[in-house]
Amino acid sequence: MTSRQKKLDEFARAWVDADRNYSADVAAAEGNAPLLQKIEANWWRHQANWSMAATAALEANNEKIQAIFDEAKAANDAIREAREKAEGIAKIVRSSSAAASALSKLLEALAKA
């Protein structure tokens, strides 16, 4: 798998998780307004990240880009592990937010490369 495909896969993985689990995450938040706002914000950030990544040139690579990619991958891994262990929604939302932030930083670094 190419570096470009690996990067694109992380954007897709974050987006798919946010999209597939949106309704369940909202239900699990049980009316907690700040948590609901964060779920909504994460969903939109993952939508935007995926949209931009799908059209971005992801071939650029350097140590900074690789480190940011590794951060995003670790956040995506944490989301998957938390869901597999059925951990609390607040922890999953924090991981989703971390993934969105890391992927946004990756886009910024790629744009500057």
PDB file of N, CA and C in Angstrom:
ATOM      1  N   MET A   1       0.848  -1.170   0.000  1.00  0.00           N
ATOM      2  CA  MET A   1       0.000   0.000   0.000  1.00  0.00           C
ATOM      3  C   MET A   1       0.897   1.237   0.000  1.00  0.00           C
ATOM      4  N   THR A   2       0.580   2.195  -0.824  1.00  0.00           N
ATOM      5  CA  THR A   2       1.382   3.406  -0.920  1.00  0.00           C
ATOM      6  C   THR A   2       1.150   4.323   0.275  1.00  0.00           C
ATOM      7  N   SER A   3       2.089   5.233   0.487  1.00  0.00           N
ATOM      8  CA  SER A   3       1.956   6.224   1.557  1.00  0.00           C
ATOM      9  C   SER A   3       0.685   7.037   1.362  1.00  0.00           C
ATOM     10  N   ARG A   4       0.396   7.398   0.115  1.00  0.00           N
ATOM     11  CA  ARG A   4      -0.815   8.169  -0.195  1.00  0.00           C
ATOM     12  C   ARG A   4      -2.058   7.390   0.231  1.00  0.00           C
ATOM     13  N   GLN A   5      -2.107   6.103  -0.096  1.00  0.00           N
ATOM     14  CA  GLN A   5      -3.275   5.290   0.237  1.00  0.00           C
ATOM     15  C   GLN A   5      -3.422   5.129   1.742  1.00  0.00           C
ATOM     16  N   LYS A   6      -2.301   4.960   2.456  1.00  0.00           N
ATOM     17  CA  LYS A   6      -2.361   4.836   3.909  1.00  0.00           C
ATOM     18  C   LYS A   6      -2.939   6.101   4.530  1.00  0.00           C
ATOM     19  N   LYS A   7      -2.509   7.262   4.050  1.00  0.00           N
ATOM     20  CA  LYS A   7      -3.023   8.529   4.579  1.00  0.00           C
ATOM     21  C   LYS A   7      -4.511   8.656   4.296  1.00  0.00           C
ATOM     22  N   LEU A   8      -4.883   8.368   3.072  1.00  0.00           N
ATOM     23  CA  LEU A   8      -6.287   8.477   2.691  1.00  0.00           C
ATOM     24  C   LEU A   8      -7.143   7.515   3.515  1.00  0.00           C
ATOM     25  N   ASP A   9      -6.620   6.331   3.786  1.00  0.00           N
ATOM     26  CA  ASP A   9      -7.350   5.347   4.588  1.00  0.00           C
ATOM     27  C   ASP A   9      -7.642   5.867   5.992  1.00  0.00           C
ATOM     28  N   GLU A  10      -6.722   6.626   6.586  1.00  0.00           N
ATOM     29  CA  GLU A  10      -6.967   7.161   7.928  1.00  0.00           C
ATOM     30  C   GLU A  10      -8.089   8.184   7.914  1.00  0.00           C
ATOM     31  N   PHE A  11      -8.135   9.029   6.881  1.00  0.00           N
ATOM     32  CA  PHE A  11      -9.245   9.984   6.757  1.00  0.00           C
ATOM     33  C   PHE A  11     -10.557   9.220   6.599  1.00  0.00           C
ATOM     34  N   ALA A  12     -10.548   8.202   5.760  1.00  0.00           N
ATOM     35  CA  ALA A  12     -11.763   7.415   5.525  1.00  0.00           C
ATOM     36  C   ALA A  12     -12.192   6.695   6.793  1.00  0.00           C
ATOM     37  N   ARG A  13     -11.232   6.136   7.514  1.00  0.00           N
ATOM     38  CA  ARG A  13     -11.556   5.389   8.727  1.00  0.00           C
ATOM     39  C   ARG A  13     -12.221   6.294   9.760  1.00  0.00           C
ATOM     40  N   ALA A  14     -11.710   7.492   9.936  1.00  0.00           N
ATOM     41  CA  ALA A  14     -12.296   8.435  10.893  1.00  0.00           C
ATOM     42  C   ALA A  14     -13.701   8.856  10.451  1.00  0.00           C
ATOM     43  N   TRP A  15     -13.849   9.141   9.165  1.00  0.00           N
ATOM     44  CA  TRP A  15     -15.149   9.563   8.644  1.00  0.00           C
ATOM     45  C   TRP A  15     -16.181   8.444   8.778  1.00  0.00           C
ATOM     46  N   VAL A  16     -15.804   7.230   8.389  1.00  0.00           N
ATOM     47  CA  VAL A  16     -16.734   6.107   8.450  1.00  0.00           C
ATOM     48  C   VAL A  16     -17.168   5.850   9.890  1.00  0.00           C
ATOM     49  N   ASP A  17     -16.219   5.891  10.841  1.00  0.00           N
ATOM     50  CA  ASP A  17     -16.582   5.680  12.239  1.00  0.00           C
ATOM     51  C   ASP A  17     -17.565   6.750  12.709  1.00  0.00           C
ATOM     52  N   ALA A  18     -17.261   8.004  12.421  1.00  0.00           N
ATOM     53  CA  ALA A  18     -18.142   9.092  12.851  1.00  0.00           C
ATOM     54  C   ALA A  18     -19.525   8.955  12.228  1.00  0.00           C
ATOM     55  N   ASP A  19     -19.567   8.588  10.963  1.00  0.00           N
ATOM     56  CA  ASP A  19     -20.834   8.489  10.248  1.00  0.00           C
ATOM     57  C   ASP A  19     -21.660   7.286  10.720  1.00  0.00           C
ATOM     58  N   ARG A  20     -21.018   6.131  10.827  1.00  0.00           N
ATOM     59  CA  ARG A  20     -21.732   4.910  11.238  1.00  0.00           C
ATOM     60  C   ARG A  20     -22.268   5.004  12.660  1.00  0.00           C
ATOM     61  N   ASN A  21     -21.549   5.693  13.525  1.00  0.00           N
ATOM     62  CA  ASN A  21     -21.891   5.696  14.941  1.00  0.00           C
ATOM     63  C   ASN A  21     -22.570   6.974  15.416  1.00  0.00           C
ATOM     64  N   TYR A  22     -22.861   7.883  14.511  1.00  0.00           N
ATOM     65  CA  TYR A  22     -23.440   9.174  14.888  1.00  0.00           C
ATOM     66  C   TYR A  22     -24.705   9.000  15.740  1.00  0.00           C
ATOM     67  N   SER A  23     -25.669   8.262  15.250  1.00  0.00           N
ATOM     68  CA  SER A  23     -26.943   8.111  15.968  1.00  0.00           C
ATOM     69  C   SER A  23     -26.751   7.430  17.318  1.00  0.00           C
ATOM     70  N   ALA A  24     -25.927   6.396  17.363  1.00  0.00           N
ATOM     71  CA  ALA A  24     -25.674   5.691  18.621  1.00  0.00           C
ATOM     72  C   ALA A  24     -24.943   6.602  19.609  1.00  0.00           C
ATOM     73  N   ASP A  25     -24.012   7.408  19.107  1.00  0.00           N
ATOM     74  CA  ASP A  25     -23.289   8.328  19.982  1.00  0.00           C
ATOM     75  C   ASP A  25     -24.240   9.381  20.566  1.00  0.00           C
ATOM     76  N   VAL A  26     -25.135   9.898  19.743  1.00  0.00           N
ATOM     77  CA  VAL A  26     -26.119  10.883  20.211  1.00  0.00           C
ATOM     78  C   VAL A  26     -27.006  10.253  21.286  1.00  0.00           C
ATOM     79  N   ALA A  27     -27.453   9.039  21.041  1.00  0.00           N
ATOM     80  CA  ALA A  27     -28.301   8.364  22.031  1.00  0.00           C
ATOM     81  C   ALA A  27     -27.533   8.126  23.329  1.00  0.00           C
ATOM     82  N   ALA A  28     -26.274   7.727  23.214  1.00  0.00           N
ATOM     83  CA  ALA A  28     -25.469   7.438  24.407  1.00  0.00           C
ATOM     84  C   ALA A  28     -25.163   8.702  25.206  1.00  0.00           C
ATOM     85  N   ALA A  29     -25.184   9.855  24.555  1.00  0.00           N
ATOM     86  CA  ALA A  29     -24.914  11.117  25.250  1.00  0.00           C
ATOM     87  C   ALA A  29     -26.034  11.498  26.200  1.00  0.00           C
ATOM     88  N   GLU A  30     -27.192  10.879  26.042  1.00  0.00           N
ATOM     89  CA  GLU A  30     -28.332  11.041  26.945  1.00  0.00           C
ATOM     90  C   GLU A  30     -28.662  12.499  27.262  1.00  0.00           C
ATOM     91  N   GLY A  31     -28.717  13.336  26.238  1.00  0.00           N
ATOM     92  CA  GLY A  31     -29.134  14.722  26.426  1.00  0.00           C
ATOM     93  C   GLY A  31     -28.069  15.651  26.973  1.00  0.00           C
ATOM     94  N   ASN A  32     -26.860  15.179  27.170  1.00  0.00           N
ATOM     95  CA  ASN A  32     -25.769  16.015  27.664  1.00  0.00           C
ATOM     96  C   ASN A  32     -25.407  17.015  26.557  1.00  0.00           C
ATOM     97  N   ALA A  33     -25.876  18.256  26.696  1.00  0.00           N
ATOM     98  CA  ALA A  33     -25.745  19.257  25.633  1.00  0.00           C
ATOM     99  C   ALA A  33     -24.308  19.497  25.180  1.00  0.00           C
ATOM    100  N   PRO A  34     -23.347  19.705  26.087  1.00  0.00           N
ATOM    101  CA  PRO A  34     -21.969  19.911  25.613  1.00  0.00           C
ATOM    102  C   PRO A  34     -21.421  18.703  24.844  1.00  0.00           C
ATOM    103  N   LEU A  35     -21.753  17.506  25.322  1.00  0.00           N
ATOM    104  CA  LEU A  35     -21.295  16.298  24.640  1.00  0.00           C
ATOM    105  C   LEU A  35     -21.967  16.161  23.278  1.00  0.00           C
ATOM    106  N   LEU A  36     -23.255  16.476  23.210  1.00  0.00           N
ATOM    107  CA  LEU A  36     -23.973  16.434  21.927  1.00  0.00           C
ATOM    108  C   LEU A  36     -23.371  17.425  20.933  1.00  0.00           C
ATOM    109  N   GLN A  37     -23.025  18.611  21.415  1.00  0.00           N
ATOM    110  CA  GLN A  37     -22.391  19.603  20.534  1.00  0.00           C
ATOM    111  C   GLN A  37     -21.053  19.100  20.029  1.00  0.00           C
ATOM    112  N   LYS A  38     -20.287  18.439  20.875  1.00  0.00           N
ATOM    113  CA  LYS A  38     -18.983  17.910  20.475  1.00  0.00           C
ATOM    114  C   LYS A  38     -19.150  16.784  19.458  1.00  0.00           C
ATOM    115  N   ILE A  39     -20.148  15.920  19.652  1.00  0.00           N
ATOM    116  CA  ILE A  39     -20.419  14.845  18.688  1.00  0.00           C
ATOM    117  C   ILE A  39     -20.736  15.452  17.328  1.00  0.00           C
ATOM    118  N   GLU A  40     -21.601  16.454  17.335  1.00  0.00           N
ATOM    119  CA  GLU A  40     -21.981  17.130  16.088  1.00  0.00           C
ATOM    120  C   GLU A  40     -20.771  17.793  15.432  1.00  0.00           C
ATOM    121  N   ALA A  41     -19.976  18.501  16.239  1.00  0.00           N
ATOM    122  CA  ALA A  41     -18.784  19.173  15.695  1.00  0.00           C
ATOM    123  C   ALA A  41     -17.800  18.161  15.129  1.00  0.00           C
ATOM    124  N   ASN A  42     -17.602  17.048  15.849  1.00  0.00           N
ATOM    125  CA  ASN A  42     -16.695  16.010  15.336  1.00  0.00           C
ATOM    126  C   ASN A  42     -17.183  15.454  14.011  1.00  0.00           C
ATOM    127  N   TRP A  43     -18.488  15.181  13.924  1.00  0.00           N
ATOM    128  CA  TRP A  43     -19.049  14.626  12.688  1.00  0.00           C
ATOM    129  C   TRP A  43     -18.771  15.566  11.516  1.00  0.00           C
ATOM    130  N   TRP A  44     -19.028  16.849  11.715  1.00  0.00           N
ATOM    131  CA  TRP A  44     -18.803  17.813  10.637  1.00  0.00           C
ATOM    132  C   TRP A  44     -17.320  17.954  10.301  1.00  0.00           C
ATOM    133  N   ARG A  45     -16.450  17.928  11.314  1.00  0.00           N
ATOM    134  CA  ARG A  45     -15.007  18.019  11.046  1.00  0.00           C
ATOM    135  C   ARG A  45     -14.528  16.828  10.236  1.00  0.00           C
ATOM    136  N   HIS A  46     -15.008  15.633  10.582  1.00  0.00           N
ATOM    137  CA  HIS A  46     -14.610  14.449   9.818  1.00  0.00           C
ATOM    138  C   HIS A  46     -15.159  14.518   8.389  1.00  0.00           C
ATOM    139  N   GLN A  47     -16.362  15.061   8.228  1.00  0.00           N
ATOM    140  CA  GLN A  47     -16.910  15.239   6.877  1.00  0.00           C
ATOM    141  C   GLN A  47     -16.011  16.166   6.065  1.00  0.00           C
ATOM    142  N   ALA A  48     -15.667  17.306   6.655  1.00  0.00           N
ATOM    143  CA  ALA A  48     -14.826  18.290   5.967  1.00  0.00           C
ATOM    144  C   ALA A  48     -13.440  17.727   5.688  1.00  0.00           C
ATOM    145  N   ASN A  49     -12.839  17.063   6.674  1.00  0.00           N
ATOM    146  CA  ASN A  49     -11.504  16.478   6.477  1.00  0.00           C
ATOM    147  C   ASN A  49     -11.519  15.472   5.328  1.00  0.00           C
ATOM    148  N   TRP A  50     -12.516  14.597   5.322  1.00  0.00           N
ATOM    149  CA  TRP A  50     -12.585  13.586   4.272  1.00  0.00           C
ATOM    150  C   TRP A  50     -12.752  14.245   2.908  1.00  0.00           C
ATOM    151  N   SER A  51     -13.627  15.220   2.836  1.00  0.00           N
ATOM    152  CA  SER A  51     -13.855  15.919   1.570  1.00  0.00           C
ATOM    153  C   SER A  51     -12.573  16.559   1.047  1.00  0.00           C
ATOM    154  N   MET A  52     -11.849  17.241   1.932  1.00  0.00           N
ATOM    155  CA  MET A  52     -10.599  17.894   1.507  1.00  0.00           C
ATOM    156  C   MET A  52      -9.524  16.875   1.191  1.00  0.00           C
ATOM    157  N   ALA A  53      -9.431  15.830   2.007  1.00  0.00           N
ATOM    158  CA  ALA A  53      -8.397  14.810   1.780  1.00  0.00           C
ATOM    159  C   ALA A  53      -8.622  14.084   0.465  1.00  0.00           C
ATOM    160  N   ALA A  54      -9.878  13.851   0.127  1.00  0.00           N
ATOM    161  CA  ALA A  54     -10.183  13.130  -1.099  1.00  0.00           C
ATOM    162  C   ALA A  54      -9.731  13.902  -2.330  1.00  0.00           C
ATOM    163  N   THR A  55      -9.603  15.213  -2.190  1.00  0.00           N
ATOM    164  CA  THR A  55      -9.177  16.023  -3.332  1.00  0.00           C
ATOM    165  C   THR A  55      -7.749  16.540  -3.181  1.00  0.00           C
ATOM    166  N   ALA A  56      -7.123  16.277  -2.036  1.00  0.00           N
ATOM    167  CA  ALA A  56      -5.769  16.795  -1.776  1.00  0.00           C
ATOM    168  C   ALA A  56      -4.703  15.889  -2.383  1.00  0.00           C
ATOM    169  N   ALA A  57      -3.556  16.460  -2.619  1.00  0.00           N
ATOM    170  CA  ALA A  57      -2.403  15.674  -3.051  1.00  0.00           C
ATOM    171  C   ALA A  57      -1.706  15.171  -1.789  1.00  0.00           C
ATOM    172  N   LEU A  58      -1.849  13.878  -1.501  1.00  0.00           N
ATOM    173  CA  LEU A  58      -1.326  13.324  -0.265  1.00  0.00           C
ATOM    174  C   LEU A  58       0.040  12.656  -0.447  1.00  0.00           C
ATOM    175  N   GLU A  59       0.679  12.898  -1.556  1.00  0.00           N
ATOM    176  CA  GLU A  59       1.981  12.283  -1.806  1.00  0.00           C
ATOM    177  C   GLU A  59       3.099  12.921  -0.994  1.00  0.00           C
ATOM    178  N   ALA A  60       2.942  14.187  -0.639  1.00  0.00           N
ATOM    179  CA  ALA A  60       4.011  14.881   0.084  1.00  0.00           C
ATOM    180  C   ALA A  60       4.304  14.141   1.374  1.00  0.00           C
ATOM    181  N   ASN A  61       5.580  14.069   1.717  1.00  0.00           N
ATOM    182  CA  ASN A  61       5.953  13.399   2.952  1.00  0.00           C
ATOM    183  C   ASN A  61       7.252  13.972   3.484  1.00  0.00           C
ATOM    184  N   ASN A  62       7.306  14.144   4.774  1.00  0.00           N
ATOM    185  CA  ASN A  62       8.524  14.521   5.471  1.00  0.00           C
ATOM    186  C   ASN A  62       8.330  14.088   6.918  1.00  0.00           C
ATOM    187  N   GLU A  63       9.299  14.338   7.774  1.00  0.00           N
ATOM    188  CA  GLU A  63       9.199  13.861   9.153  1.00  0.00           C
ATOM    189  C   GLU A  63       7.999  14.444   9.883  1.00  0.00           C
ATOM    190  N   LYS A  64       7.720  15.734   9.675  1.00  0.00           N
ATOM    191  CA  LYS A  64       6.587  16.376  10.353  1.00  0.00           C
ATOM    192  C   LYS A  64       5.272  15.758   9.889  1.00  0.00           C
ATOM    193  N   ILE A  65       5.114  15.588   8.589  1.00  0.00           N
ATOM    194  CA  ILE A  65       3.884  15.002   8.050  1.00  0.00           C
ATOM    195  C   ILE A  65       3.723  13.578   8.560  1.00  0.00           C
ATOM    196  N   GLN A  66       4.811  12.815   8.603  1.00  0.00           N
ATOM    197  CA  GLN A  66       4.729  11.442   9.090  1.00  0.00           C
ATOM    198  C   GLN A  66       4.342  11.404  10.567  1.00  0.00           C
ATOM    199  N   ALA A  67       4.891  12.308  11.369  1.00  0.00           N
ATOM    200  CA  ALA A  67       4.562  12.355  12.802  1.00  0.00           C
ATOM    201  C   ALA A  67       3.089  12.702  13.012  1.00  0.00           C
ATOM    202  N   ILE A  68       2.578  13.646  12.234  1.00  0.00           N
ATOM    203  CA  ILE A  68       1.167  14.030  12.352  1.00  0.00           C
ATOM    204  C   ILE A  68       0.278  12.867  11.898  1.00  0.00           C
ATOM    205  N   PHE A  69       0.682  12.193  10.817  1.00  0.00           N
ATOM    206  CA  PHE A  69      -0.061  11.021  10.348  1.00  0.00           C
ATOM    207  C   PHE A  69      -0.096   9.947  11.435  1.00  0.00           C
ATOM    208  N   ASP A  70       1.040   9.703  12.080  1.00  0.00           N
ATOM    209  CA  ASP A  70       1.110   8.702  13.146  1.00  0.00           C
ATOM    210  C   ASP A  70       0.174   9.070  14.299  1.00  0.00           C
ATOM    211  N   GLU A  71       0.087  10.370  14.615  1.00  0.00           N
ATOM    212  CA  GLU A  71      -0.821  10.850  15.668  1.00  0.00           C
ATOM    213  C   GLU A  71      -2.274  10.571  15.287  1.00  0.00           C
ATOM    214  N   ALA A  72      -2.618  10.846  14.025  1.00  0.00           N
ATOM    215  CA  ALA A  72      -3.985  10.607  13.556  1.00  0.00           C
ATOM    216  C   ALA A  72      -4.309   9.116  13.581  1.00  0.00           C
ATOM    217  N   LYS A  73      -3.370   8.294  13.161  1.00  0.00           N
ATOM    218  CA  LYS A  73      -3.586   6.849  13.160  1.00  0.00           C
ATOM    219  C   LYS A  73      -3.785   6.338  14.583  1.00  0.00           C
ATOM    220  N   ALA A  74      -2.995   6.823  15.517  1.00  0.00           N
ATOM    221  CA  ALA A  74      -3.136   6.408  16.919  1.00  0.00           C
ATOM    222  C   ALA A  74      -4.508   6.803  17.467  1.00  0.00           C
ATOM    223  N   ALA A  75      -4.991   7.983  17.113  1.00  0.00           N
ATOM    224  CA  ALA A  75      -6.315   8.420  17.565  1.00  0.00           C
ATOM    225  C   ALA A  75      -7.405   7.540  16.964  1.00  0.00           C
ATOM    226  N   ASN A  76      -7.275   7.197  15.693  1.00  0.00           N
ATOM    227  CA  ASN A  76      -8.242   6.298  15.058  1.00  0.00           C
ATOM    228  C   ASN A  76      -8.209   4.918  15.714  1.00  0.00           C
ATOM    229  N   ASP A  77      -7.007   4.440  16.042  1.00  0.00           N
ATOM    230  CA  ASP A  77      -6.884   3.150  16.723  1.00  0.00           C
ATOM    231  C   ASP A  77      -7.577   3.197  18.087  1.00  0.00           C
ATOM    232  N   ALA A  78      -7.424   4.313  18.803  1.00  0.00           N
ATOM    233  CA  ALA A  78      -8.046   4.463  20.118  1.00  0.00           C
ATOM    234  C   ALA A  78      -9.568   4.425  20.010  1.00  0.00           C
ATOM    235  N   ILE A  79     -10.111   5.018  18.967  1.00  0.00           N
ATOM    236  CA  ILE A  79     -11.565   4.989  18.749  1.00  0.00           C
ATOM    237  C   ILE A  79     -12.024   3.554  18.547  1.00  0.00           C
ATOM    238  N   ARG A  80     -11.333   2.823  17.670  1.00  0.00           N
ATOM    239  CA  ARG A  80     -11.718   1.436  17.385  1.00  0.00           C
ATOM    240  C   ARG A  80     -11.653   0.592  18.660  1.00  0.00           C
ATOM    241  N   GLU A  81     -10.567   0.737  19.411  1.00  0.00           N
ATOM    242  CA  GLU A  81     -10.406  -0.039  20.642  1.00  0.00           C
ATOM    243  C   GLU A  81     -11.482   0.310  21.671  1.00  0.00           C
ATOM    244  N   ALA A  82     -11.800   1.590  21.809  1.00  0.00           N
ATOM    245  CA  ALA A  82     -12.829   2.001  22.767  1.00  0.00           C
ATOM    246  C   ALA A  82     -14.184   1.435  22.382  1.00  0.00           C
ATOM    247  N   ARG A  83     -14.496   1.460  21.105  1.00  0.00           N
ATOM    248  CA  ARG A  83     -15.786   0.916  20.668  1.00  0.00           C
ATOM    249  C   ARG A  83     -15.825  -0.594  20.882  1.00  0.00           C
ATOM    250  N   GLU A  84     -14.714  -1.296  20.606  1.00  0.00           N
ATOM    251  CA  GLU A  84     -14.671  -2.741  20.812  1.00  0.00           C
ATOM    252  C   GLU A  84     -14.860  -3.096  22.280  1.00  0.00           C
ATOM    253  N   LYS A  85     -14.358  -2.260  23.171  1.00  0.00           N
ATOM    254  CA  LYS A  85     -14.473  -2.502  24.604  1.00  0.00           C
ATOM    255  C   LYS A  85     -15.747  -1.879  25.182  1.00  0.00           C
ATOM    256  N   ALA A  86     -16.538  -1.259  24.312  1.00  0.00           N
ATOM    257  CA  ALA A  86     -17.785  -0.601  24.726  1.00  0.00           C
ATOM    258  C   ALA A  86     -17.525   0.389  25.859  1.00  0.00           C
ATOM    259  N   GLU A  87     -16.473   1.167  25.701  1.00  0.00           N
ATOM    260  CA  GLU A  87     -16.143   2.162  26.712  1.00  0.00           C
ATOM    261  C   GLU A  87     -17.090   3.350  26.595  1.00  0.00           C
ATOM    262  N   GLY A  88     -17.036   4.218  27.566  1.00  0.00           N
ATOM    263  CA  GLY A  88     -17.951   5.348  27.648  1.00  0.00           C
ATOM    264  C   GLY A  88     -17.904   6.281  26.452  1.00  0.00           C
ATOM    265  N   ILE A  89     -19.042   6.866  26.165  1.00  0.00           N
ATOM    266  CA  ILE A  89     -19.182   7.761  25.024  1.00  0.00           C
ATOM    267  C   ILE A  89     -18.270   8.978  25.144  1.00  0.00           C
ATOM    268  N   ALA A  90     -18.061   9.495  26.332  1.00  0.00           N
ATOM    269  CA  ALA A  90     -17.210  10.677  26.483  1.00  0.00           C
ATOM    270  C   ALA A  90     -15.785  10.378  26.031  1.00  0.00           C
ATOM    271  N   LYS A  91     -15.272   9.196  26.357  1.00  0.00           N
ATOM    272  CA  LYS A  91     -13.917   8.825  25.931  1.00  0.00           C
ATOM    273  C   LYS A  91     -13.850   8.685  24.410  1.00  0.00           C
ATOM    274  N   ILE A  92     -14.866   8.094  23.822  1.00  0.00           N
ATOM    275  CA  ILE A  92     -14.895   7.931  22.371  1.00  0.00           C
ATOM    276  C   ILE A  92     -14.959   9.295  21.687  1.00  0.00           C
ATOM    277  N   VAL A  93     -15.781  10.197  22.218  1.00  0.00           N
ATOM    278  CA  VAL A  93     -15.899  11.534  21.634  1.00  0.00           C
ATOM    279  C   VAL A  93     -14.568  12.271  21.725  1.00  0.00           C
ATOM    280  N   ARG A  94     -13.870  12.138  22.851  1.00  0.00           N
ATOM    281  CA  ARG A  94     -12.548  12.769  22.970  1.00  0.00           C
ATOM    282  C   ARG A  94     -11.582  12.205  21.937  1.00  0.00           C
ATOM    283  N   SER A  95     -11.609  10.895  21.737  1.00  0.00           N
ATOM    284  CA  SER A  95     -10.728  10.276  20.741  1.00  0.00           C
ATOM    285  C   SER A  95     -11.093  10.739  19.334  1.00  0.00           C
ATOM    286  N   SER A  96     -12.384  10.857  19.059  1.00  0.00           N
ATOM    287  CA  SER A  96     -12.824  11.317  17.751  1.00  0.00           C
ATOM    288  C   SER A  96     -12.374  12.744  17.503  1.00  0.00           C
ATOM    289  N   SER A  97     -12.458  13.560  18.541  1.00  0.00           N
ATOM    290  CA  SER A  97     -12.001  14.943  18.437  1.00  0.00           C
ATOM    291  C   SER A  97     -10.490  14.990  18.193  1.00  0.00           C
ATOM    292  N   ALA A  98      -9.750  14.128  18.883  1.00  0.00           N
ATOM    293  CA  ALA A  98      -8.294  14.068  18.685  1.00  0.00           C
ATOM    294  C   ALA A  98      -7.961  13.635  17.266  1.00  0.00           C
ATOM    295  N   ALA A  99      -8.716  12.678  16.743  1.00  0.00           N
ATOM    296  CA  ALA A  99      -8.486  12.227  15.363  1.00  0.00           C
ATOM    297  C   ALA A  99      -8.773  13.356  14.384  1.00  0.00           C
ATOM    298  N   ALA A 100      -9.882  14.064  14.582  1.00  0.00           N
ATOM    299  CA  ALA A 100     -10.216  15.172  13.690  1.00  0.00           C
ATOM    300  C   ALA A 100      -9.151  16.254  13.733  1.00  0.00           C
ATOM    301  N   SER A 101      -8.676  16.562  14.928  1.00  0.00           N
ATOM    302  CA  SER A 101      -7.626  17.586  15.067  1.00  0.00           C
ATOM    303  C   SER A 101      -6.343  17.153  14.374  1.00  0.00           C
ATOM    304  N   ALA A 102      -5.941  15.913  14.594  1.00  0.00           N
ATOM    305  CA  ALA A 102      -4.707  15.423  13.974  1.00  0.00           C
ATOM    306  C   ALA A 102      -4.828  15.393  12.451  1.00  0.00           C
ATOM    307  N   LEU A 103      -5.981  14.981  11.954  1.00  0.00           N
ATOM    308  CA  LEU A 103      -6.162  14.936  10.500  1.00  0.00           C
ATOM    309  C   LEU A 103      -6.224  16.342   9.911  1.00  0.00           C
ATOM    310  N   SER A 104      -6.787  17.290  10.645  1.00  0.00           N
ATOM    311  CA  SER A 104      -6.780  18.682  10.187  1.00  0.00           C
ATOM    312  C   SER A 104      -5.354  19.209  10.115  1.00  0.00           C
ATOM    313  N   LYS A 105      -4.530  18.877  11.133  1.00  0.00           N
ATOM    314  CA  LYS A 105      -3.120  19.289  11.120  1.00  0.00           C
ATOM    315  C   LYS A 105      -2.387  18.636   9.945  1.00  0.00           C
ATOM    316  N   LEU A 106      -2.737  17.401   9.635  1.00  0.00           N
ATOM    317  CA  LEU A 106      -2.120  16.719   8.495  1.00  0.00           C
ATOM    318  C   LEU A 106      -2.432  17.451   7.201  1.00  0.00           C
ATOM    319  N   LEU A 107      -3.684  17.870   7.035  1.00  0.00           N
ATOM    320  CA  LEU A 107      -4.049  18.637   5.834  1.00  0.00           C
ATOM    321  C   LEU A 107      -3.277  19.933   5.749  1.00  0.00           C
ATOM    322  N   GLU A 108      -3.137  20.644   6.873  1.00  0.00           N
ATOM    323  CA  GLU A 108      -2.397  21.891   6.889  1.00  0.00           C
ATOM    324  C   GLU A 108      -0.937  21.655   6.527  1.00  0.00           C
ATOM    325  N   ALA A 109      -0.340  20.612   7.092  1.00  0.00           N
ATOM    326  CA  ALA A 109       1.071  20.314   6.795  1.00  0.00           C
ATOM    327  C   ALA A 109       1.250  19.927   5.335  1.00  0.00           C
ATOM    328  N   LEU A 110       0.312  19.177   4.799  1.00  0.00           N
ATOM    329  CA  LEU A 110       0.397  18.792   3.389  1.00  0.00           C
ATOM    330  C   LEU A 110       0.272  20.008   2.484  1.00  0.00           C
ATOM    331  N   ALA A 111      -0.604  20.931   2.851  1.00  0.00           N
ATOM    332  CA  ALA A 111      -0.789  22.138   2.048  1.00  0.00           C
ATOM    333  C   ALA A 111       0.487  22.980   2.017  1.00  0.00           C
ATOM    334  N   LYS A 112       1.253  22.936   3.107  1.00  0.00           N
ATOM    335  CA  LYS A 112       2.475  23.726   3.200  1.00  0.00           C
ATOM    336  C   LYS A 112       3.680  23.014   2.594  1.00  0.00           C
ATOM    337  N   ALA A 113       3.562  21.702   2.359  1.00  0.00           N
ATOM    338  CA  ALA A 113       4.701  20.918   1.859  1.00  0.00           C
ATOM    339  C   ALA A 113       5.004  21.227   0.399  1.00  0.00           C
TER     340      ALA A 113
END
